[in-house]
Amino acid sequence: MDRQSADWPPVISEESWTRVRTALEAATDRFANLVSSVPDPNVRATSEWSVTDVAAHVTNIAGLYVPITSTDPERAPETRPPGRMADTTLDTVAEMNAADLRELTERDPGRLADLLRERIGALLSATAETAPDTPLPWLGGSRVPAAGLLAHLLNEILIHGRDIARAVRQPWSIPPEDAAWFLELFFVGVTTYGAGHILEIPETGEPVRTGRLVAEFRSRHTTPVTVVVHNGRVTVERPGRRPDVRVSFDPVTLNLMLFHRVGKPRAVLTGKVRIRGRRPWRLRYFFRTIRIP
C-alpha cells in the first residue's frame, strides 16, 4: 500500500464538525461585539484598512460562502463559486478583496456586526445537514471540505479580530484549539481535495517554482502530517517519509506567522515554532509556496 492509503486523509469526525461550528459561532459573536463597541471605526486596523473596512471584508467572505454551501440543487458542489472567486489566484486575491469592499458600501459598525451575524447564521443553517467532508468549490478552481471552509472563515475572524483589538487596545484571545482547525481542516483539506490553480502565476498559468521539501508538522492540537512541496505542488500525507525538517508549533503562532502578523524570527525565538531536522534550510520552500489568502 502506498503512502496515501485508504484511511488517508483522516476522517473528519462529527465531533470535529461540531466543535468547529461552535467555535465559529462563538468567534463571530465576539467579533461582532468588538466591532460594535469601537469608539472610532475609522481607526486603522491594518496598513490599508480601517476597523469597518476589516469588518466589511470578513462580512464579504461570509457572504461569498453562503451560496457555496447552499442545499439548492442548482448550487451543487460541482458548480463554480460566486463572482470572482473561481478565477482568483494567490496573486490576484487582493484585487478580489478590494473589488468586494467597493461593492459592500456599508460602514456602520452596528449594521456590519448584524450583517455578519446574519450571514454566519445562514452559513451554519445551510450546512446543518451537510457531511463535514463534502467537497465544495473555493478559490481558483480549488476544492475544500465543508469543515475546512468553516475553519478558514473561523481563522479570518480570529486573525482580523486581533487586528481590530490591537488597533483600539482591547483584549482579544485566540484559543489554540480554535486556531488548530486551520491546519487540521482547511490546509489539509484544500491540499488533499485539490488546490486548483490558486498557486499559479497568472501571466503564465505556471505553478510557483520552488525546490523540494519534506516537512513534518506536529502540535498538541492537531493530527501530525507530512507536507511535501516540490516545484509549487503541495501535498500532505501521514508521517512516515523521512523528513528534511520537523516543525513543532503552537497553532496560534503558526497562523499569525503565515498571515504575517508575527515574524519568523520572533516565532522561533519565543519557542512557539521549533524547527529541527537534517535539512532545516529547506523550510524556505514551504514559505515560498504557502502564501495563504
Protein backbone atom coordinates (compact mmCIF):
# COMPACT_ATOMS: atom_id res chain seq x y z
CA MET A 1 0.00 0.00 0.00
CA ASP A 2 1.36 3.46 -0.86
CA ARG A 3 1.72 6.41 1.48
CA GLN A 4 -1.72 7.75 0.63
CA SER A 5 -3.50 4.69 1.97
CA ALA A 6 -7.22 4.01 2.17
CA ASP A 7 -7.58 5.78 5.52
CA TRP A 8 -5.94 8.99 4.30
CA PRO A 9 -6.88 11.79 4.55
CA PRO A 10 -8.05 11.38 8.15
CA VAL A 11 -11.80 11.14 8.55
CA ILE A 12 -13.37 14.40 9.71
CA SER A 13 -15.31 13.27 12.75
CA GLU A 14 -18.71 14.53 13.79
CA GLU A 15 -17.06 15.80 16.98
CA SER A 16 -14.64 17.93 14.97
CA TRP A 17 -17.51 19.19 12.82
CA THR A 18 -19.50 20.18 15.89
CA ARG A 19 -16.51 21.84 17.55
CA VAL A 20 -15.51 23.97 14.56
CA ARG A 21 -19.13 25.07 14.10
CA THR A 22 -19.39 26.02 17.77
CA ALA A 23 -16.07 27.86 17.61
CA LEU A 24 -17.17 29.79 14.51
CA GLU A 25 -20.41 30.88 16.15
CA ALA A 26 -18.64 31.98 19.34
CA ALA A 27 -15.88 33.85 17.49
CA THR A 28 -18.47 35.61 15.33
CA ASP A 29 -20.29 36.83 18.41
CA ARG A 30 -17.05 38.12 19.96
CA PHE A 31 -16.02 39.80 16.70
CA ALA A 32 -19.41 41.46 16.23
CA ASN A 33 -19.40 42.75 19.81
CA LEU A 34 -15.90 44.12 19.36
CA VAL A 35 -16.76 45.94 16.12
CA SER A 36 -19.92 47.40 17.66
CA SER A 37 -18.01 48.75 20.67
CA VAL A 38 -15.18 50.52 18.84
CA PRO A 39 -15.26 54.26 19.69
CA ASP A 40 -13.77 55.36 16.37
CA PRO A 41 -14.49 52.95 13.48
CA ASN A 42 -12.16 54.90 11.20
CA VAL A 43 -9.07 53.89 13.16
CA ARG A 44 -6.58 51.93 11.05
CA ALA A 45 -6.69 48.22 11.89
CA THR A 46 -4.21 47.25 9.16
CA SER A 47 -1.85 49.24 6.98
CA GLU A 48 -4.63 49.77 4.43
CA TRP A 49 -7.97 49.15 6.15
CA SER A 50 -9.94 50.86 8.89
CA VAL A 51 -11.83 48.92 11.55
CA THR A 52 -15.01 48.98 9.47
CA ASP A 53 -13.11 48.03 6.31
CA VAL A 54 -11.85 44.93 8.12
CA ALA A 55 -15.35 44.16 9.39
CA ALA A 56 -16.73 44.57 5.86
CA HIS A 57 -14.01 42.27 4.49
CA VAL A 58 -14.90 39.50 6.93
CA THR A 59 -18.60 40.02 6.22
CA ASN A 60 -17.88 39.75 2.49
CA ILE A 61 -16.16 36.40 2.94
CA ALA A 62 -19.11 35.06 4.91
CA GLY A 63 -21.41 36.30 2.14
CA LEU A 64 -19.37 34.51 -0.52
CA TYR A 65 -19.52 31.26 1.41
CA VAL A 66 -23.30 31.16 1.87
CA PRO A 67 -24.15 30.28 -1.78
CA ILE A 68 -21.26 27.79 -1.93
CA THR A 69 -22.88 25.79 0.87
CA SER A 70 -26.45 26.16 -0.32
CA THR A 71 -28.55 23.00 -0.49
CA ASP A 72 -30.20 24.28 -3.67
CA PRO A 73 -29.64 21.58 -6.35
CA GLU A 74 -28.60 24.31 -8.79
CA ARG A 75 -25.76 25.20 -6.41
CA ALA A 76 -24.34 21.68 -6.16
CA PRO A 77 -20.65 21.26 -5.24
CA GLU A 78 -19.75 20.94 -8.92
CA THR A 79 -20.86 24.50 -9.70
CA ARG A 80 -18.49 27.45 -9.74
CA PRO A 81 -18.21 29.68 -6.68
CA PRO A 82 -19.80 33.13 -6.95
CA GLY A 83 -18.34 36.24 -8.52
CA ARG A 84 -14.60 36.46 -8.99
CA MET A 85 -13.70 33.52 -6.74
CA ALA A 86 -13.42 30.92 -9.48
CA ASP A 87 -10.68 32.80 -11.35
CA THR A 88 -8.74 34.10 -8.36
CA THR A 89 -5.18 33.06 -7.57
CA LEU A 90 -2.92 33.96 -4.66
CA ASP A 91 -1.52 36.78 -6.80
CA THR A 92 -4.95 38.25 -7.56
CA VAL A 93 -6.82 37.67 -4.30
CA ALA A 94 -6.03 41.24 -3.14
CA GLU A 95 -7.77 42.56 -6.25
CA MET A 96 -10.85 40.45 -5.48
CA ASN A 97 -10.91 41.69 -1.89
CA ALA A 98 -10.62 45.32 -2.98
CA ALA A 99 -13.42 44.94 -5.53
CA ASP A 100 -15.68 43.25 -2.96
CA LEU A 101 -15.02 46.06 -0.47
CA ARG A 102 -16.07 48.63 -3.07
CA GLU A 103 -19.31 46.76 -3.65
CA LEU A 104 -20.22 46.49 0.03
CA THR A 105 -20.57 50.17 0.91
CA GLU A 106 -21.99 49.71 4.42
CA ARG A 107 -19.57 51.05 7.04
CA ASP A 108 -21.78 51.48 10.09
CA PRO A 109 -20.23 49.22 12.76
CA GLY A 110 -23.53 48.09 14.26
CA ARG A 111 -25.09 47.23 10.92
CA LEU A 112 -21.96 45.39 9.78
CA ALA A 113 -21.98 43.39 13.02
CA ASP A 114 -25.63 42.46 12.46
CA LEU A 115 -24.98 41.54 8.82
CA LEU A 116 -22.04 39.33 9.78
CA ARG A 117 -24.16 37.51 12.39
CA GLU A 118 -26.91 37.08 9.80
CA ARG A 119 -24.55 35.61 7.21
CA ILE A 120 -22.81 33.28 9.64
CA GLY A 121 -26.22 32.14 10.83
CA ALA A 122 -27.22 31.43 7.23
CA LEU A 123 -23.96 29.56 6.64
CA LEU A 124 -24.40 27.37 9.73
CA SER A 125 -28.02 26.73 8.81
CA ALA A 126 -27.09 25.79 5.23
CA THR A 127 -24.52 23.28 6.46
CA ALA A 128 -26.55 21.84 9.35
CA GLU A 129 -27.23 18.60 7.47
CA THR A 130 -24.04 18.62 5.39
CA ALA A 131 -21.40 15.94 5.86
CA PRO A 132 -18.17 17.60 7.06
CA ASP A 133 -16.12 16.03 4.26
CA THR A 134 -18.44 17.26 1.47
CA PRO A 135 -16.21 18.82 -1.25
CA LEU A 136 -17.06 22.45 -2.01
CA PRO A 137 -15.65 24.86 -4.63
CA TRP A 138 -13.23 27.51 -3.46
CA LEU A 139 -10.74 29.99 -4.94
CA GLY A 140 -9.14 29.32 -8.30
CA GLY A 141 -10.86 26.03 -9.04
CA SER A 142 -9.71 24.50 -5.77
CA ARG A 143 -11.93 22.35 -3.58
CA VAL A 144 -12.18 22.18 0.18
CA PRO A 145 -14.25 20.04 2.57
CA ALA A 146 -17.21 21.78 4.20
CA ALA A 147 -15.46 21.64 7.58
CA GLY A 148 -12.38 23.26 6.02
CA LEU A 149 -14.45 26.11 4.61
CA LEU A 150 -15.78 26.90 8.08
CA ALA A 151 -12.26 26.58 9.52
CA HIS A 152 -10.96 29.13 7.01
CA LEU A 153 -13.69 31.60 7.94
CA LEU A 154 -13.06 30.99 11.65
CA ASN A 155 -9.40 31.83 11.12
CA GLU A 156 -10.28 35.03 9.25
CA ILE A 157 -12.41 36.15 12.19
CA LEU A 158 -9.73 35.27 14.74
CA ILE A 159 -6.90 37.00 12.84
CA HIS A 160 -8.87 40.11 11.93
CA GLY A 161 -10.41 40.31 15.39
CA ARG A 162 -6.85 40.55 16.67
CA ASP A 163 -6.12 43.32 14.14
CA ILE A 164 -9.07 45.38 15.37
CA ALA A 165 -8.45 44.72 19.05
CA ARG A 166 -4.79 45.77 18.80
CA ALA A 167 -5.78 48.95 16.95
CA VAL A 168 -8.24 50.01 19.68
CA ARG A 169 -6.27 48.49 22.57
CA GLN A 170 -8.89 45.97 23.56
CA PRO A 171 -8.30 42.37 24.66
CA TRP A 172 -8.67 39.59 22.11
CA SER A 173 -7.86 35.95 22.70
CA ILE A 174 -7.23 33.23 20.12
CA PRO A 175 -7.72 29.81 21.71
CA PRO A 176 -5.08 27.37 20.36
CA GLU A 177 -7.70 24.67 19.90
CA ASP A 178 -9.64 27.04 17.61
CA ALA A 179 -6.54 28.14 15.70
CA ALA A 180 -5.66 24.47 15.14
CA TRP A 181 -8.64 23.92 12.84
CA PHE A 182 -6.95 25.99 10.12
CA LEU A 183 -4.22 23.40 9.57
CA GLU A 184 -6.29 20.40 10.61
CA LEU A 185 -9.33 21.02 8.42
CA PHE A 186 -8.58 23.75 5.90
CA PHE A 187 -4.93 23.30 4.92
CA VAL A 188 -5.05 19.51 4.88
CA GLY A 189 -8.43 19.68 3.15
CA VAL A 190 -7.55 22.03 0.29
CA THR A 191 -4.26 20.28 -0.46
CA THR A 192 -5.94 16.87 -0.42
CA TYR A 193 -9.13 17.76 -2.28
CA GLY A 194 -7.34 19.79 -4.96
CA ALA A 195 -5.62 23.18 -4.97
CA GLY A 196 -6.82 24.04 -8.49
CA HIS A 197 -4.81 26.91 -9.95
CA ILE A 198 -4.61 29.11 -6.85
CA LEU A 199 -0.80 28.70 -6.80
CA GLU A 200 -0.35 29.56 -10.45
CA ILE A 201 1.36 32.70 -11.72
CA PRO A 202 -1.48 34.48 -13.58
CA GLU A 203 0.59 35.75 -16.53
CA THR A 204 1.88 32.30 -17.46
CA GLY A 205 -0.52 29.84 -15.87
CA GLU A 206 2.53 28.05 -14.48
CA PRO A 207 2.83 26.90 -10.85
CA VAL A 208 5.12 28.70 -8.45
CA ARG A 209 8.63 27.24 -8.87
CA THR A 210 10.37 26.04 -5.73
CA GLY A 211 12.72 23.29 -4.71
CA ARG A 212 11.77 20.17 -2.79
CA LEU A 213 10.84 19.86 0.88
CA VAL A 214 9.52 17.10 3.11
CA ALA A 215 8.42 18.63 6.43
CA GLU A 216 6.65 17.01 9.36
CA PHE A 217 4.30 19.27 11.36
CA ARG A 218 3.21 18.41 14.89
CA SER A 219 1.36 20.16 17.69
CA ARG A 220 -0.65 19.20 20.77
CA HIS A 221 -3.85 20.25 18.99
CA THR A 222 -3.51 18.72 15.52
CA THR A 223 -3.07 15.39 13.80
CA PRO A 224 0.60 15.02 12.73
CA VAL A 225 1.07 15.49 8.99
CA THR A 226 3.89 15.47 6.48
CA VAL A 227 3.86 18.32 3.97
CA VAL A 228 5.66 17.73 0.67
CA VAL A 229 6.50 20.72 -1.52
CA HIS A 230 8.00 20.23 -4.96
CA ASN A 231 8.06 22.93 -7.62
CA GLY A 232 4.99 24.65 -6.27
CA ARG A 233 2.99 21.45 -5.85
CA VAL A 234 1.91 20.82 -2.28
CA THR A 235 0.67 17.51 -0.92
CA VAL A 236 0.01 16.26 2.59
CA GLU A 237 0.34 12.71 3.84
CA ARG A 238 0.65 10.72 7.03
CA PRO A 239 4.03 10.84 8.81
CA GLY A 240 6.39 8.09 7.74
CA ARG A 241 8.51 9.52 4.97
CA ARG A 242 11.90 10.67 6.26
CA PRO A 243 11.53 14.44 6.67
CA ASP A 244 14.01 17.18 5.88
CA VAL A 245 12.52 19.25 8.67
CA ARG A 246 10.44 18.59 11.77
CA VAL A 247 8.30 21.52 12.90
CA SER A 248 6.59 21.57 16.29
CA PHE A 249 4.34 24.55 16.76
CA ASP A 250 1.75 26.47 18.69
CA PRO A 251 -1.21 26.80 16.28
CA VAL A 252 -1.86 30.44 17.17
CA THR A 253 1.72 31.46 16.45
CA LEU A 254 1.94 29.44 13.25
CA ASN A 255 -1.22 31.05 11.88
CA LEU A 256 -0.07 34.54 12.85
CA MET A 257 3.24 33.83 11.14
CA LEU A 258 1.57 32.54 7.97
CA PHE A 259 -0.55 35.69 7.85
CA HIS A 260 2.44 37.98 8.51
CA ARG A 261 1.29 39.16 11.93
CA VAL A 262 4.32 37.64 13.64
CA GLY A 263 7.78 37.46 12.08
CA LYS A 264 9.53 34.13 11.64
CA PRO A 265 12.48 35.07 13.87
CA ARG A 266 10.18 36.06 16.71
CA ALA A 267 8.13 32.87 16.36
CA VAL A 268 11.28 30.77 16.59
CA LEU A 269 12.94 32.79 19.38
CA THR A 270 9.86 32.51 21.59
CA GLY A 271 9.90 28.74 21.17
CA LYS A 272 6.36 28.75 19.77
CA VAL A 273 7.66 27.36 16.46
CA ARG A 274 10.54 24.88 16.77
CA ILE A 275 12.49 23.69 13.76
CA ARG A 276 14.65 20.58 13.79
CA GLY A 277 15.89 18.09 11.24
CA ARG A 278 18.68 17.26 8.84
CA ARG A 279 17.94 19.99 6.28
CA PRO A 280 16.13 22.82 8.11
CA TRP A 281 17.07 25.38 5.45
CA ARG A 282 14.67 23.69 3.05
CA LEU A 283 11.74 25.03 5.05
CA ARG A 284 12.10 28.16 2.89
CA TYR A 285 10.37 26.22 0.10
CA PHE A 286 7.28 25.90 2.30
CA PHE A 287 7.09 29.64 2.97
CA ARG A 288 7.87 30.48 -0.66
CA THR A 289 4.88 28.40 -1.77
CA ILE A 290 2.37 28.67 1.04
CA ARG A 291 1.02 32.19 0.66
CA ILE A 292 -2.37 31.81 2.30
CA PRO A 293 -5.19 34.07 1.02
